[in-house]
Every structure is written in C-alpha cells, then in structure tokens.
N, C-alpha and C. Protein backbone atom coordinates (compact mmCIF):
# COMPACT_ATOMS: atom_id res chain seq x y z
N MET A 1 21.65 5.70 14.44
CA MET A 1 21.57 6.75 13.46
C MET A 1 20.10 7.05 13.15
N GLU A 2 19.75 8.32 13.15
CA GLU A 2 18.37 8.72 12.91
C GLU A 2 18.06 8.68 11.42
N LYS A 3 16.88 8.12 11.10
CA LYS A 3 16.47 8.06 9.71
C LYS A 3 15.97 9.42 9.24
N LYS A 4 16.37 9.80 8.03
CA LYS A 4 15.92 11.04 7.42
C LYS A 4 14.47 10.88 6.95
N GLU A 5 13.68 11.89 7.21
CA GLU A 5 12.31 11.86 6.73
C GLU A 5 12.31 11.98 5.21
N ARG A 6 11.70 11.01 4.55
CA ARG A 6 11.58 11.04 3.09
C ARG A 6 10.27 11.72 2.72
N LYS A 7 10.32 12.55 1.69
CA LYS A 7 9.11 13.19 1.19
C LYS A 7 8.62 12.42 -0.03
N ILE A 8 7.39 11.97 0.08
CA ILE A 8 6.76 11.29 -1.04
C ILE A 8 5.61 12.17 -1.50
N MET A 9 5.72 12.65 -2.74
CA MET A 9 4.71 13.54 -3.30
C MET A 9 3.76 12.72 -4.16
N VAL A 10 2.47 12.96 -3.97
CA VAL A 10 1.45 12.32 -4.80
C VAL A 10 0.67 13.43 -5.50
N ALA A 11 0.68 13.39 -6.83
CA ALA A 11 -0.09 14.35 -7.62
C ALA A 11 -1.54 13.87 -7.68
N VAL A 12 -2.44 14.67 -7.15
CA VAL A 12 -3.86 14.29 -7.13
C VAL A 12 -4.67 15.27 -7.97
N ASP A 13 -5.74 14.76 -8.55
CA ASP A 13 -6.68 15.59 -9.29
C ASP A 13 -8.07 15.00 -9.10
N GLU A 14 -8.99 15.37 -9.96
CA GLU A 14 -10.38 14.94 -9.81
C GLU A 14 -10.57 13.47 -10.19
N SER A 15 -9.59 12.86 -10.82
CA SER A 15 -9.76 11.53 -11.39
C SER A 15 -9.68 10.40 -10.36
N GLN A 16 -10.35 9.32 -10.69
CA GLN A 16 -10.28 8.10 -9.89
C GLN A 16 -8.86 7.53 -9.94
N GLU A 17 -8.19 7.71 -11.08
CA GLU A 17 -6.83 7.19 -11.23
C GLU A 17 -5.86 7.80 -10.23
N SER A 18 -6.00 9.09 -9.97
CA SER A 18 -5.08 9.72 -9.00
C SER A 18 -5.38 9.24 -7.58
N MET A 19 -6.65 9.01 -7.26
CA MET A 19 -7.00 8.51 -5.93
C MET A 19 -6.52 7.06 -5.76
N HIS A 20 -6.55 6.30 -6.84
CA HIS A 20 -6.01 4.94 -6.79
C HIS A 20 -4.50 4.98 -6.56
N ALA A 21 -3.81 5.92 -7.22
CA ALA A 21 -2.36 6.06 -7.02
C ALA A 21 -2.05 6.44 -5.57
N LEU A 22 -2.86 7.32 -5.00
CA LEU A 22 -2.68 7.71 -3.59
C LEU A 22 -2.88 6.50 -2.68
N SER A 23 -3.92 5.74 -2.93
CA SER A 23 -4.19 4.54 -2.14
C SER A 23 -3.03 3.55 -2.25
N TRP A 24 -2.52 3.35 -3.47
CA TRP A 24 -1.38 2.46 -3.68
C TRP A 24 -0.16 2.96 -2.92
N CYS A 25 0.06 4.25 -2.96
CA CYS A 25 1.20 4.85 -2.27
C CYS A 25 1.12 4.61 -0.77
N ILE A 26 -0.03 4.85 -0.19
CA ILE A 26 -0.20 4.66 1.26
C ILE A 26 0.02 3.20 1.63
N THR A 27 -0.49 2.31 0.81
CA THR A 27 -0.38 0.88 1.09
C THR A 27 1.04 0.36 0.91
N ASN A 28 1.78 0.90 -0.06
CA ASN A 28 3.07 0.32 -0.43
C ASN A 28 4.31 1.15 -0.09
N LEU A 29 4.18 2.46 0.08
CA LEU A 29 5.38 3.28 0.26
C LEU A 29 5.47 4.03 1.59
N ILE A 30 4.36 4.40 2.15
CA ILE A 30 4.36 5.28 3.31
C ILE A 30 4.69 4.51 4.59
N SER A 31 5.58 5.12 5.38
CA SER A 31 5.89 4.60 6.72
C SER A 31 5.96 5.78 7.67
N GLU A 32 6.30 5.51 8.93
CA GLU A 32 6.36 6.57 9.94
C GLU A 32 7.45 7.59 9.63
N THR A 33 8.45 7.22 8.86
CA THR A 33 9.56 8.12 8.58
C THR A 33 9.35 8.90 7.27
N ASN A 34 8.16 8.84 6.71
CA ASN A 34 7.87 9.54 5.47
C ASN A 34 6.94 10.70 5.71
N LYS A 35 7.07 11.69 4.86
CA LYS A 35 6.11 12.79 4.83
C LYS A 35 5.37 12.68 3.50
N LEU A 36 4.05 12.71 3.55
CA LEU A 36 3.22 12.64 2.36
C LEU A 36 2.85 14.05 1.95
N VAL A 37 3.20 14.41 0.72
CA VAL A 37 2.86 15.71 0.17
C VAL A 37 1.80 15.50 -0.91
N LEU A 38 0.61 16.03 -0.68
CA LEU A 38 -0.46 15.97 -1.67
C LEU A 38 -0.40 17.22 -2.52
N LEU A 39 -0.24 17.05 -3.83
CA LEU A 39 -0.12 18.18 -4.75
C LEU A 39 -1.29 18.20 -5.72
N TYR A 40 -2.00 19.31 -5.74
CA TYR A 40 -3.07 19.53 -6.70
C TYR A 40 -2.69 20.76 -7.53
N VAL A 41 -2.91 20.68 -8.85
CA VAL A 41 -2.56 21.79 -9.72
C VAL A 41 -3.83 22.36 -10.35
N ARG A 42 -4.05 23.65 -10.06
CA ARG A 42 -5.17 24.38 -10.67
C ARG A 42 -4.70 24.95 -12.01
N PRO A 43 -5.61 25.02 -13.00
CA PRO A 43 -5.22 25.64 -14.26
C PRO A 43 -4.94 27.12 -14.07
N PRO A 44 -4.11 27.70 -14.92
CA PRO A 44 -3.80 29.13 -14.77
C PRO A 44 -5.04 29.99 -15.00
N SER A 45 -5.15 31.07 -14.28
CA SER A 45 -6.30 31.97 -14.37
C SER A 45 -6.46 32.56 -15.76
N ALA A 46 -5.38 32.70 -16.51
CA ALA A 46 -5.45 33.28 -17.85
C ALA A 46 -6.42 32.52 -18.73
N PHE A 47 -6.59 31.21 -18.49
CA PHE A 47 -7.53 30.43 -19.28
C PHE A 47 -8.95 30.93 -19.08
N TYR A 48 -9.21 31.51 -17.94
CA TYR A 48 -10.56 31.92 -17.62
C TYR A 48 -10.90 33.32 -18.11
N SER A 49 -9.92 34.10 -18.53
CA SER A 49 -10.19 35.50 -18.83
C SER A 49 -10.80 35.71 -20.22
N LEU A 50 -10.67 34.75 -21.11
CA LEU A 50 -11.25 34.88 -22.45
C LEU A 50 -12.20 33.72 -22.73
N ASP A 51 -13.29 34.01 -23.41
CA ASP A 51 -14.17 32.92 -23.82
C ASP A 51 -13.70 32.38 -25.17
N ALA A 52 -14.44 31.45 -25.73
CA ALA A 52 -14.03 30.78 -26.97
C ALA A 52 -13.91 31.76 -28.15
N ALA A 53 -14.69 32.81 -28.13
CA ALA A 53 -14.65 33.77 -29.24
C ALA A 53 -13.58 34.84 -29.03
N GLY A 54 -12.91 34.81 -27.88
CA GLY A 54 -11.84 35.78 -27.61
C GLY A 54 -12.29 37.03 -26.90
N TYR A 55 -13.53 37.05 -26.39
CA TYR A 55 -14.02 38.21 -25.66
C TYR A 55 -13.64 38.09 -24.18
N ASN A 56 -13.39 39.22 -23.58
CA ASN A 56 -13.09 39.23 -22.14
C ASN A 56 -14.35 38.94 -21.34
N PHE A 57 -14.21 38.11 -20.32
CA PHE A 57 -15.30 37.89 -19.39
C PHE A 57 -15.34 39.06 -18.41
N SER A 58 -16.48 39.32 -17.82
CA SER A 58 -16.56 40.35 -16.80
C SER A 58 -15.82 39.88 -15.55
N SER A 59 -15.47 40.81 -14.70
CA SER A 59 -14.73 40.45 -13.48
C SER A 59 -15.57 39.53 -12.58
N ASP A 60 -16.91 39.67 -12.63
CA ASP A 60 -17.78 38.80 -11.84
C ASP A 60 -17.65 37.35 -12.29
N VAL A 61 -17.59 37.15 -13.60
CA VAL A 61 -17.47 35.80 -14.14
C VAL A 61 -16.10 35.22 -13.79
N VAL A 62 -15.05 36.03 -13.93
CA VAL A 62 -13.69 35.57 -13.60
C VAL A 62 -13.62 35.23 -12.11
N ASP A 63 -14.21 36.08 -11.26
CA ASP A 63 -14.21 35.81 -9.82
C ASP A 63 -14.95 34.51 -9.50
N ALA A 64 -16.08 34.29 -10.18
CA ALA A 64 -16.85 33.06 -9.95
C ALA A 64 -16.03 31.84 -10.38
N MET A 65 -15.33 31.95 -11.49
CA MET A 65 -14.50 30.83 -11.95
C MET A 65 -13.34 30.57 -10.99
N GLU A 66 -12.75 31.63 -10.47
CA GLU A 66 -11.66 31.48 -9.50
C GLU A 66 -12.17 30.83 -8.22
N LYS A 67 -13.35 31.25 -7.78
CA LYS A 67 -13.96 30.67 -6.58
C LYS A 67 -14.24 29.18 -6.80
N TYR A 68 -14.77 28.84 -7.98
CA TYR A 68 -15.03 27.44 -8.30
C TYR A 68 -13.73 26.64 -8.31
N SER A 69 -12.67 27.21 -8.87
CA SER A 69 -11.37 26.54 -8.93
C SER A 69 -10.83 26.24 -7.53
N MET A 70 -10.99 27.19 -6.62
CA MET A 70 -10.56 26.98 -5.23
C MET A 70 -11.42 25.92 -4.56
N HIS A 71 -12.71 25.95 -4.83
CA HIS A 71 -13.62 24.94 -4.27
C HIS A 71 -13.23 23.55 -4.77
N LEU A 72 -12.91 23.45 -6.05
CA LEU A 72 -12.50 22.17 -6.63
C LEU A 72 -11.21 21.67 -5.98
N ALA A 73 -10.24 22.57 -5.77
CA ALA A 73 -8.98 22.19 -5.12
C ALA A 73 -9.25 21.65 -3.71
N ASN A 74 -10.10 22.34 -2.96
CA ASN A 74 -10.43 21.87 -1.61
C ASN A 74 -11.16 20.54 -1.64
N SER A 75 -12.04 20.37 -2.61
CA SER A 75 -12.79 19.12 -2.74
C SER A 75 -11.84 17.95 -3.04
N VAL A 76 -10.90 18.16 -3.94
CA VAL A 76 -9.93 17.10 -4.27
C VAL A 76 -9.09 16.76 -3.04
N MET A 77 -8.64 17.76 -2.32
CA MET A 77 -7.83 17.50 -1.12
C MET A 77 -8.63 16.77 -0.06
N GLU A 78 -9.89 17.13 0.09
CA GLU A 78 -10.74 16.42 1.06
C GLU A 78 -10.93 14.96 0.66
N ARG A 79 -11.12 14.71 -0.64
CA ARG A 79 -11.22 13.32 -1.12
C ARG A 79 -9.94 12.56 -0.83
N ALA A 80 -8.80 13.20 -1.06
CA ALA A 80 -7.51 12.56 -0.81
C ALA A 80 -7.35 12.23 0.67
N GLU A 81 -7.73 13.16 1.54
CA GLU A 81 -7.64 12.91 2.97
C GLU A 81 -8.62 11.81 3.40
N ALA A 82 -9.76 11.70 2.73
CA ALA A 82 -10.71 10.62 3.02
C ALA A 82 -10.11 9.27 2.64
N VAL A 83 -9.35 9.22 1.54
CA VAL A 83 -8.65 7.98 1.16
C VAL A 83 -7.69 7.59 2.28
N CYS A 84 -6.97 8.56 2.82
CA CYS A 84 -6.03 8.28 3.92
C CYS A 84 -6.77 7.74 5.14
N ARG A 85 -7.90 8.37 5.48
CA ARG A 85 -8.69 7.91 6.63
C ARG A 85 -9.22 6.50 6.40
N ASP A 86 -9.69 6.23 5.19
CA ASP A 86 -10.23 4.90 4.88
C ASP A 86 -9.17 3.81 5.01
N LEU A 87 -7.91 4.18 4.83
CA LEU A 87 -6.82 3.21 4.94
C LEU A 87 -6.15 3.26 6.31
N ASN A 88 -6.83 3.90 7.27
CA ASN A 88 -6.31 4.04 8.64
C ASN A 88 -4.92 4.66 8.66
N ALA A 89 -4.71 5.65 7.81
CA ALA A 89 -3.41 6.32 7.71
C ALA A 89 -3.52 7.74 8.25
N THR A 90 -4.18 7.87 9.39
CA THR A 90 -4.42 9.19 9.96
C THR A 90 -3.21 9.74 10.70
N ASN A 91 -2.23 8.89 11.02
CA ASN A 91 -1.05 9.37 11.75
C ASN A 91 0.09 9.76 10.80
N ILE A 92 -0.19 9.85 9.52
CA ILE A 92 0.82 10.23 8.54
C ILE A 92 1.08 11.72 8.62
N ASN A 93 2.35 12.09 8.55
CA ASN A 93 2.72 13.50 8.45
C ASN A 93 2.38 13.94 7.03
N MET A 94 1.36 14.81 6.90
CA MET A 94 0.84 15.16 5.58
C MET A 94 0.86 16.66 5.36
N GLU A 95 1.13 17.05 4.12
CA GLU A 95 1.12 18.46 3.73
C GLU A 95 0.30 18.60 2.46
N ARG A 96 -0.52 19.64 2.41
CA ARG A 96 -1.30 19.97 1.21
C ARG A 96 -0.57 21.07 0.45
N VAL A 97 -0.43 20.89 -0.86
CA VAL A 97 0.17 21.92 -1.70
C VAL A 97 -0.73 22.10 -2.92
N VAL A 98 -1.09 23.35 -3.20
CA VAL A 98 -1.89 23.65 -4.39
C VAL A 98 -1.06 24.59 -5.26
N GLY A 99 -0.82 24.14 -6.49
CA GLY A 99 -0.08 24.94 -7.45
C GLY A 99 -1.01 25.46 -8.52
N VAL A 100 -0.54 26.44 -9.28
CA VAL A 100 -1.32 27.02 -10.36
C VAL A 100 -0.47 27.03 -11.61
N GLY A 101 -1.02 26.52 -12.71
CA GLY A 101 -0.30 26.53 -13.98
C GLY A 101 -0.57 25.26 -14.75
N HIS A 102 0.32 24.96 -15.68
CA HIS A 102 0.21 23.73 -16.45
C HIS A 102 0.72 22.59 -15.59
N ALA A 103 -0.07 21.53 -15.45
CA ALA A 103 0.22 20.47 -14.50
C ALA A 103 1.63 19.91 -14.62
N LYS A 104 2.06 19.59 -15.84
CA LYS A 104 3.38 18.96 -16.00
C LYS A 104 4.50 19.86 -15.50
N ASN A 105 4.40 21.16 -15.75
CA ASN A 105 5.44 22.09 -15.31
C ASN A 105 5.39 22.32 -13.80
N VAL A 106 4.19 22.48 -13.26
CA VAL A 106 4.04 22.74 -11.83
C VAL A 106 4.50 21.53 -11.02
N ILE A 107 4.15 20.33 -11.47
CA ILE A 107 4.55 19.13 -10.74
C ILE A 107 6.07 19.00 -10.70
N CYS A 108 6.72 19.16 -11.84
CA CYS A 108 8.18 19.04 -11.88
C CYS A 108 8.85 20.13 -11.05
N SER A 109 8.31 21.34 -11.08
CA SER A 109 8.85 22.43 -10.26
C SER A 109 8.67 22.16 -8.77
N ALA A 110 7.49 21.64 -8.41
CA ALA A 110 7.22 21.35 -7.00
C ALA A 110 8.13 20.24 -6.48
N VAL A 111 8.40 19.24 -7.32
CA VAL A 111 9.32 18.17 -6.91
C VAL A 111 10.67 18.77 -6.54
N LYS A 112 11.14 19.67 -7.37
CA LYS A 112 12.45 20.29 -7.13
C LYS A 112 12.41 21.23 -5.92
N LYS A 113 11.41 22.11 -5.88
CA LYS A 113 11.31 23.10 -4.81
C LYS A 113 11.13 22.46 -3.43
N LEU A 114 10.28 21.45 -3.36
CA LEU A 114 9.99 20.80 -2.07
C LEU A 114 10.93 19.64 -1.76
N GLU A 115 11.86 19.38 -2.69
CA GLU A 115 12.86 18.32 -2.52
C GLU A 115 12.21 16.96 -2.25
N ALA A 116 11.25 16.62 -3.10
CA ALA A 116 10.58 15.32 -2.97
C ALA A 116 11.56 14.20 -3.30
N ASP A 117 11.48 13.12 -2.56
CA ASP A 117 12.32 11.96 -2.80
C ASP A 117 11.70 11.02 -3.83
N THR A 118 10.37 11.01 -3.91
CA THR A 118 9.65 10.16 -4.85
C THR A 118 8.38 10.88 -5.26
N LEU A 119 8.01 10.75 -6.54
CA LEU A 119 6.76 11.29 -7.06
C LEU A 119 5.89 10.11 -7.47
N VAL A 120 4.65 10.11 -7.00
CA VAL A 120 3.69 9.06 -7.36
C VAL A 120 2.55 9.70 -8.12
N MET A 121 2.21 9.10 -9.26
CA MET A 121 1.15 9.64 -10.11
C MET A 121 0.28 8.51 -10.64
N GLY A 122 -0.96 8.83 -10.90
CA GLY A 122 -1.82 7.89 -11.61
C GLY A 122 -1.68 8.14 -13.10
N THR A 123 -2.28 7.28 -13.88
CA THR A 123 -2.30 7.46 -15.32
C THR A 123 -3.68 7.14 -15.83
N HIS A 124 -4.10 7.89 -16.84
CA HIS A 124 -5.43 7.67 -17.43
C HIS A 124 -5.43 6.47 -18.36
N GLY A 125 -4.24 5.98 -18.70
CA GLY A 125 -4.15 4.80 -19.55
C GLY A 125 -4.55 5.05 -20.99
N TYR A 126 -4.32 6.28 -21.47
CA TYR A 126 -4.62 6.58 -22.88
C TYR A 126 -3.75 5.74 -23.79
N GLY A 127 -4.28 5.45 -24.94
CA GLY A 127 -3.52 4.73 -25.96
C GLY A 127 -2.52 5.68 -26.63
N PHE A 128 -1.77 5.13 -27.56
CA PHE A 128 -0.70 5.88 -28.24
C PHE A 128 -1.23 7.14 -28.91
N PHE A 129 -2.31 7.03 -29.67
CA PHE A 129 -2.79 8.18 -30.45
C PHE A 129 -3.36 9.27 -29.55
N LYS A 130 -4.14 8.90 -28.58
CA LYS A 130 -4.72 9.89 -27.68
C LYS A 130 -3.62 10.59 -26.87
N ARG A 131 -2.63 9.80 -26.43
CA ARG A 131 -1.51 10.37 -25.69
C ARG A 131 -0.70 11.31 -26.58
N ALA A 132 -0.53 10.95 -27.86
CA ALA A 132 0.21 11.79 -28.80
C ALA A 132 -0.53 13.11 -29.05
N LEU A 133 -1.85 13.07 -29.11
CA LEU A 133 -2.63 14.28 -29.35
C LEU A 133 -2.75 15.16 -28.11
N LEU A 134 -3.04 14.54 -26.98
CA LEU A 134 -3.28 15.29 -25.75
C LEU A 134 -2.03 15.54 -24.93
N GLY A 135 -1.02 14.72 -25.15
CA GLY A 135 0.15 14.79 -24.28
C GLY A 135 -0.13 14.01 -23.01
N SER A 136 0.90 13.69 -22.29
CA SER A 136 0.72 12.93 -21.07
C SER A 136 1.53 13.58 -19.96
N VAL A 137 0.84 14.00 -18.93
CA VAL A 137 1.51 14.62 -17.80
C VAL A 137 2.46 13.63 -17.14
N SER A 138 2.00 12.39 -16.97
CA SER A 138 2.86 11.39 -16.31
C SER A 138 4.09 11.08 -17.15
N ASP A 139 3.96 11.00 -18.48
CA ASP A 139 5.14 10.79 -19.33
C ASP A 139 6.13 11.93 -19.19
N HIS A 140 5.62 13.16 -19.21
CA HIS A 140 6.50 14.33 -19.07
C HIS A 140 7.23 14.30 -17.73
N CYS A 141 6.50 14.03 -16.67
CA CYS A 141 7.11 14.03 -15.33
C CYS A 141 8.12 12.89 -15.19
N ALA A 142 7.83 11.74 -15.79
CA ALA A 142 8.78 10.62 -15.73
C ALA A 142 10.10 11.00 -16.38
N LYS A 143 10.05 11.85 -17.39
CA LYS A 143 11.27 12.25 -18.11
C LYS A 143 11.97 13.44 -17.46
N HIS A 144 11.23 14.33 -16.80
CA HIS A 144 11.81 15.59 -16.36
C HIS A 144 11.88 15.81 -14.85
N ALA A 145 11.16 15.05 -14.05
CA ALA A 145 11.21 15.25 -12.60
C ALA A 145 12.58 14.85 -12.07
N LYS A 146 13.03 15.56 -11.06
CA LYS A 146 14.36 15.34 -10.49
C LYS A 146 14.34 14.34 -9.34
N CYS A 147 13.48 13.32 -9.45
CA CYS A 147 13.43 12.25 -8.46
C CYS A 147 12.82 11.03 -9.15
N PRO A 148 12.88 9.88 -8.51
CA PRO A 148 12.20 8.71 -9.09
C PRO A 148 10.69 8.96 -9.19
N VAL A 149 10.09 8.48 -10.26
CA VAL A 149 8.66 8.66 -10.49
C VAL A 149 8.01 7.28 -10.57
N VAL A 150 6.95 7.08 -9.79
CA VAL A 150 6.18 5.86 -9.83
C VAL A 150 4.84 6.19 -10.47
N ILE A 151 4.57 5.53 -11.60
CA ILE A 151 3.29 5.73 -12.29
C ILE A 151 2.43 4.50 -12.02
N VAL A 152 1.31 4.72 -11.37
CA VAL A 152 0.44 3.63 -10.93
C VAL A 152 -0.74 3.49 -11.88
N LYS A 153 -0.87 2.31 -12.46
CA LYS A 153 -2.00 2.03 -13.33
C LYS A 153 -3.12 1.43 -12.50
N GLN A 154 -4.33 1.83 -12.83
CA GLN A 154 -5.49 1.24 -12.16
C GLN A 154 -5.78 -0.10 -12.82
N PRO A 155 -6.03 -1.15 -12.02
CA PRO A 155 -6.26 -2.47 -12.61
C PRO A 155 -7.52 -2.50 -13.47
C-alpha cells in the first residue's frame, strides 16, 4: 500500500523562534513521504496606507512599503531554506506560500485551504500579561486550526 504524502506546514517569520521551530520540524517530523509547506504572512497593505496621524501616504511611499514587504517575505523564505540546507534536508519536497493579512487568520485559513496534516509554529514565550495584551498567534491557531498544532519552544 502506498503511503499518502503528509503536508506539514511551518509558519515562519523574521523571528529566531520560528526558525528554531522549522529546525525542530525537519529534525523530528519530516520524512521522504512528507511535503514541507513554508508559510509566511505579510501584514495587510491597508496598514501602510495611513500614517499615525491618519493622513494618506503618497503612492510612492505605499509602493516602497509594498516592495519592502515583498523583500522581507523573500528574505524570510531564503533564511528558512538555508535552515533546510544546514540540516542536509535538500531533498525535501518543499512549497513556499506567502499570505497577506492578520497572521492568526491567514495561518488557520491556509491550513484548511492547503489541507495541512500538521501545523508547526514557534512561540515567543511571552508571559501571561504580555500575551493577554498582545494576543498570541500560536494560542489562536492551537484553538482554531483544523489540524494538530505543534508549538515549539526555544530552549
């Protein structure tokens, strides 16, 4: 009987914690029968259209911010692929996905849309009060994602 390819999605961002989660995933979960989906979420463009005082930015400024956002997404994906290379995981079936919006919503939607079997995320390790004020993407995804969620803490 042929084994079904499992999709393991790893949410990556600029943080060291997400790269540690990716490293942990490659070391502990990935095999030849898995597909690794790297997901990066860009903030929605609407955040860039107004400054703090509520004035509209010029189209040049918005374009520059959009260009920077794309550059950042590519940079994060390149770092993630470097983690894979460093762990000699170059033969992994890998897919890059870049979403736009609020991270917690985009991640949960991507899990459903791409039919991920497992979601792996890092955590910033905020305490109770900071997590209560800022919210926690990993907490939200653990409660709402339609697959098992592995939250990896950095030692």
